[in-house]
């Protein structure tokens, strides 16, 4: 199975879980880990521009990575998946 197929399967499963477990629109907490770089953090934050997003960052103990938590109201499971896919284009990002 290719990485693309795995990602597609993952996002389909996530969409189904979110449809079953949540009433939409709803607040959603995104969590990402990126190499400690203001540019990378800014790229992630830019994906949420124009929304009611509340962003929190925290550096790792050695300062090599930064965790980025973003709480934002999302309209649907598909919108959540679309944001994950948009942020996944940031080099080095890990979505949790």
C-alpha atoms as a PDB file:
ATOM      1  CA  UNK A   1       0.000   0.000   0.000  1.00  0.00           C
ATOM      2  CA  UNK A   2       1.452   3.376  -0.999  1.00  0.00           C
ATOM      3  CA  UNK A   3       1.750   6.342   1.370  1.00  0.00           C
ATOM      4  CA  UNK A   4      -0.960   8.111  -0.631  1.00  0.00           C
ATOM      5  CA  UNK A   5      -3.347   5.170  -0.190  1.00  0.00           C
ATOM      6  CA  UNK A   6      -2.578   5.011   3.540  1.00  0.00           C
ATOM      7  CA  UNK A   7      -3.265   8.728   3.910  1.00  0.00           C
ATOM      8  CA  UNK A   8      -6.545   8.453   1.980  1.00  0.00           C
ATOM      9  CA  UNK A   9      -7.661   5.542   4.164  1.00  0.00           C
ATOM     10  CA  UNK A  10      -6.679   7.414   7.339  1.00  0.00           C
ATOM     11  CA  UNK A  11      -8.618  10.537   6.347  1.00  0.00           C
ATOM     12  CA  UNK A  12     -11.695   8.497   5.382  1.00  0.00           C
ATOM     13  CA  UNK A  13     -11.620   6.789   8.788  1.00  0.00           C
ATOM     14  CA  UNK A  14     -11.158  10.125  10.566  1.00  0.00           C
ATOM     15  CA  UNK A  15     -14.082  11.667   8.672  1.00  0.00           C
ATOM     16  CA  UNK A  16     -16.331   8.758   9.623  1.00  0.00           C
ATOM     17  CA  UNK A  17     -15.330   8.936  13.316  1.00  0.00           C
ATOM     18  CA  UNK A  18     -15.914  12.678  13.451  1.00  0.00           C
ATOM     19  CA  UNK A  19     -19.333  12.303  11.805  1.00  0.00           C
ATOM     20  CA  UNK A  20     -20.365   9.711  14.378  1.00  0.00           C
ATOM     21  CA  UNK A  21     -18.928  11.381  17.496  1.00  0.00           C
ATOM     22  CA  UNK A  22     -19.501  15.099  17.025  1.00  0.00           C
ATOM     23  CA  UNK A  23     -22.298  17.558  16.319  1.00  0.00           C
ATOM     24  CA  UNK A  24     -21.187  20.135  13.751  1.00  0.00           C
ATOM     25  CA  UNK A  25     -20.216  22.965  13.764  1.00  0.00           C
ATOM     26  CA  UNK A  26     -18.000  22.255  16.759  1.00  0.00           C
ATOM     27  CA  UNK A  27     -14.726  23.352  18.369  1.00  0.00           C
ATOM     28  CA  UNK A  28     -11.810  21.165  17.287  1.00  0.00           C
ATOM     29  CA  UNK A  29      -8.283  20.959  18.673  1.00  0.00           C
ATOM     30  CA  UNK A  30      -5.528  20.487  16.108  1.00  0.00           C
ATOM     31  CA  UNK A  31      -2.077  19.489  17.375  1.00  0.00           C
ATOM     32  CA  UNK A  32       1.105  19.619  15.359  1.00  0.00           C
ATOM     33  CA  UNK A  33       4.808  19.229  16.018  1.00  0.00           C
ATOM     34  CA  UNK A  34       7.294  21.088  13.821  1.00  0.00           C
ATOM     35  CA  UNK A  35      11.030  21.721  13.868  1.00  0.00           C
ATOM     36  CA  UNK A  36      11.579  24.853  15.977  1.00  0.00           C
ATOM     37  CA  UNK A  37      11.345  27.550  13.331  1.00  0.00           C
ATOM     38  CA  UNK A  38       9.301  30.728  13.345  1.00  0.00           C
ATOM     39  CA  UNK A  39       8.757  30.274   9.608  1.00  0.00           C
ATOM     40  CA  UNK A  40       7.225  26.805  10.051  1.00  0.00           C
ATOM     41  CA  UNK A  41       4.985  28.005  12.879  1.00  0.00           C
ATOM     42  CA  UNK A  42       3.880  30.970  10.748  1.00  0.00           C
ATOM     43  CA  UNK A  43       3.044  28.610   7.859  1.00  0.00           C
ATOM     44  CA  UNK A  44       0.788  26.551  10.125  1.00  0.00           C
ATOM     45  CA  UNK A  45      -0.864  29.648  11.611  1.00  0.00           C
ATOM     46  CA  UNK A  46      -1.463  31.024   8.091  1.00  0.00           C
ATOM     47  CA  UNK A  47      -3.633  27.985   7.312  1.00  0.00           C
ATOM     48  CA  UNK A  48      -6.032  29.218  10.001  1.00  0.00           C
ATOM     49  CA  UNK A  49      -6.060  32.933   9.091  1.00  0.00           C
ATOM     50  CA  UNK A  50      -9.516  34.472   9.048  1.00  0.00           C
ATOM     51  CA  UNK A  51     -10.904  32.027  11.601  1.00  0.00           C
ATOM     52  CA  UNK A  52     -11.525  32.200  15.350  1.00  0.00           C
ATOM     53  CA  UNK A  53      -8.406  30.085  15.947  1.00  0.00           C
ATOM     54  CA  UNK A  54      -6.647  30.246  19.310  1.00  0.00           C
ATOM     55  CA  UNK A  55      -3.009  29.248  18.886  1.00  0.00           C
ATOM     56  CA  UNK A  56      -0.670  28.014  21.616  1.00  0.00           C
ATOM     57  CA  UNK A  57       2.946  27.009  21.104  1.00  0.00           C
ATOM     58  CA  UNK A  58       5.391  25.243  23.361  1.00  0.00           C
ATOM     59  CA  UNK A  59       9.040  24.455  22.731  1.00  0.00           C
ATOM     60  CA  UNK A  60      10.501  21.027  23.469  1.00  0.00           C
ATOM     61  CA  UNK A  61      12.935  20.705  26.372  1.00  0.00           C
ATOM     62  CA  UNK A  62      15.945  20.861  24.027  1.00  0.00           C
ATOM     63  CA  UNK A  63      14.357  23.549  21.869  1.00  0.00           C
ATOM     64  CA  UNK A  64      14.584  21.532  18.661  1.00  0.00           C
ATOM     65  CA  UNK A  65      10.824  21.150  18.172  1.00  0.00           C
ATOM     66  CA  UNK A  66       7.738  23.226  18.836  1.00  0.00           C
ATOM     67  CA  UNK A  67       4.264  21.891  19.520  1.00  0.00           C
ATOM     68  CA  UNK A  68       1.472  23.973  18.031  1.00  0.00           C
ATOM     69  CA  UNK A  69      -2.062  23.567  19.405  1.00  0.00           C
ATOM     70  CA  UNK A  70      -4.873  25.300  17.568  1.00  0.00           C
ATOM     71  CA  UNK A  71      -8.442  25.366  18.845  1.00  0.00           C
ATOM     72  CA  UNK A  72     -10.897  26.516  16.210  1.00  0.00           C
ATOM     73  CA  UNK A  73     -14.584  26.088  15.370  1.00  0.00           C
ATOM     74  CA  UNK A  74     -14.940  23.816  12.367  1.00  0.00           C
ATOM     75  CA  UNK A  75     -18.072  23.377  10.244  1.00  0.00           C
ATOM     76  CA  UNK A  76     -17.749  19.693   9.330  1.00  0.00           C
ATOM     77  CA  UNK A  77     -15.512  16.615   9.423  1.00  0.00           C
ATOM     78  CA  UNK A  78     -14.571  17.333   5.810  1.00  0.00           C
ATOM     79  CA  UNK A  79     -13.352  20.806   6.829  1.00  0.00           C
ATOM     80  CA  UNK A  80     -11.167  19.213   9.548  1.00  0.00           C
ATOM     81  CA  UNK A  81      -9.622  16.805   7.048  1.00  0.00           C
ATOM     82  CA  UNK A  82      -9.060  19.633   4.559  1.00  0.00           C
ATOM     83  CA  UNK A  83      -7.115  21.606   7.223  1.00  0.00           C
ATOM     84  CA  UNK A  84      -4.974  18.573   8.077  1.00  0.00           C
ATOM     85  CA  UNK A  85      -4.178  18.114   4.395  1.00  0.00           C
ATOM     86  CA  UNK A  86      -3.354  21.815   3.994  1.00  0.00           C
ATOM     87  CA  UNK A  87      -1.007  21.826   7.003  1.00  0.00           C
ATOM     88  CA  UNK A  88       0.611  18.529   5.948  1.00  0.00           C
ATOM     89  CA  UNK A  89       2.286  20.465   3.102  1.00  0.00           C
ATOM     90  CA  UNK A  90       4.470  22.298   5.659  1.00  0.00           C
ATOM     91  CA  UNK A  91       7.879  20.611   5.526  1.00  0.00           C
ATOM     92  CA  UNK A  92       8.664  18.560   8.645  1.00  0.00           C
ATOM     93  CA  UNK A  93       5.243  18.848  10.276  1.00  0.00           C
ATOM     94  CA  UNK A  94       3.813  15.949  12.276  1.00  0.00           C
ATOM     95  CA  UNK A  95       0.050  15.942  12.822  1.00  0.00           C
ATOM     96  CA  UNK A  96      -1.220  14.387  16.038  1.00  0.00           C
END
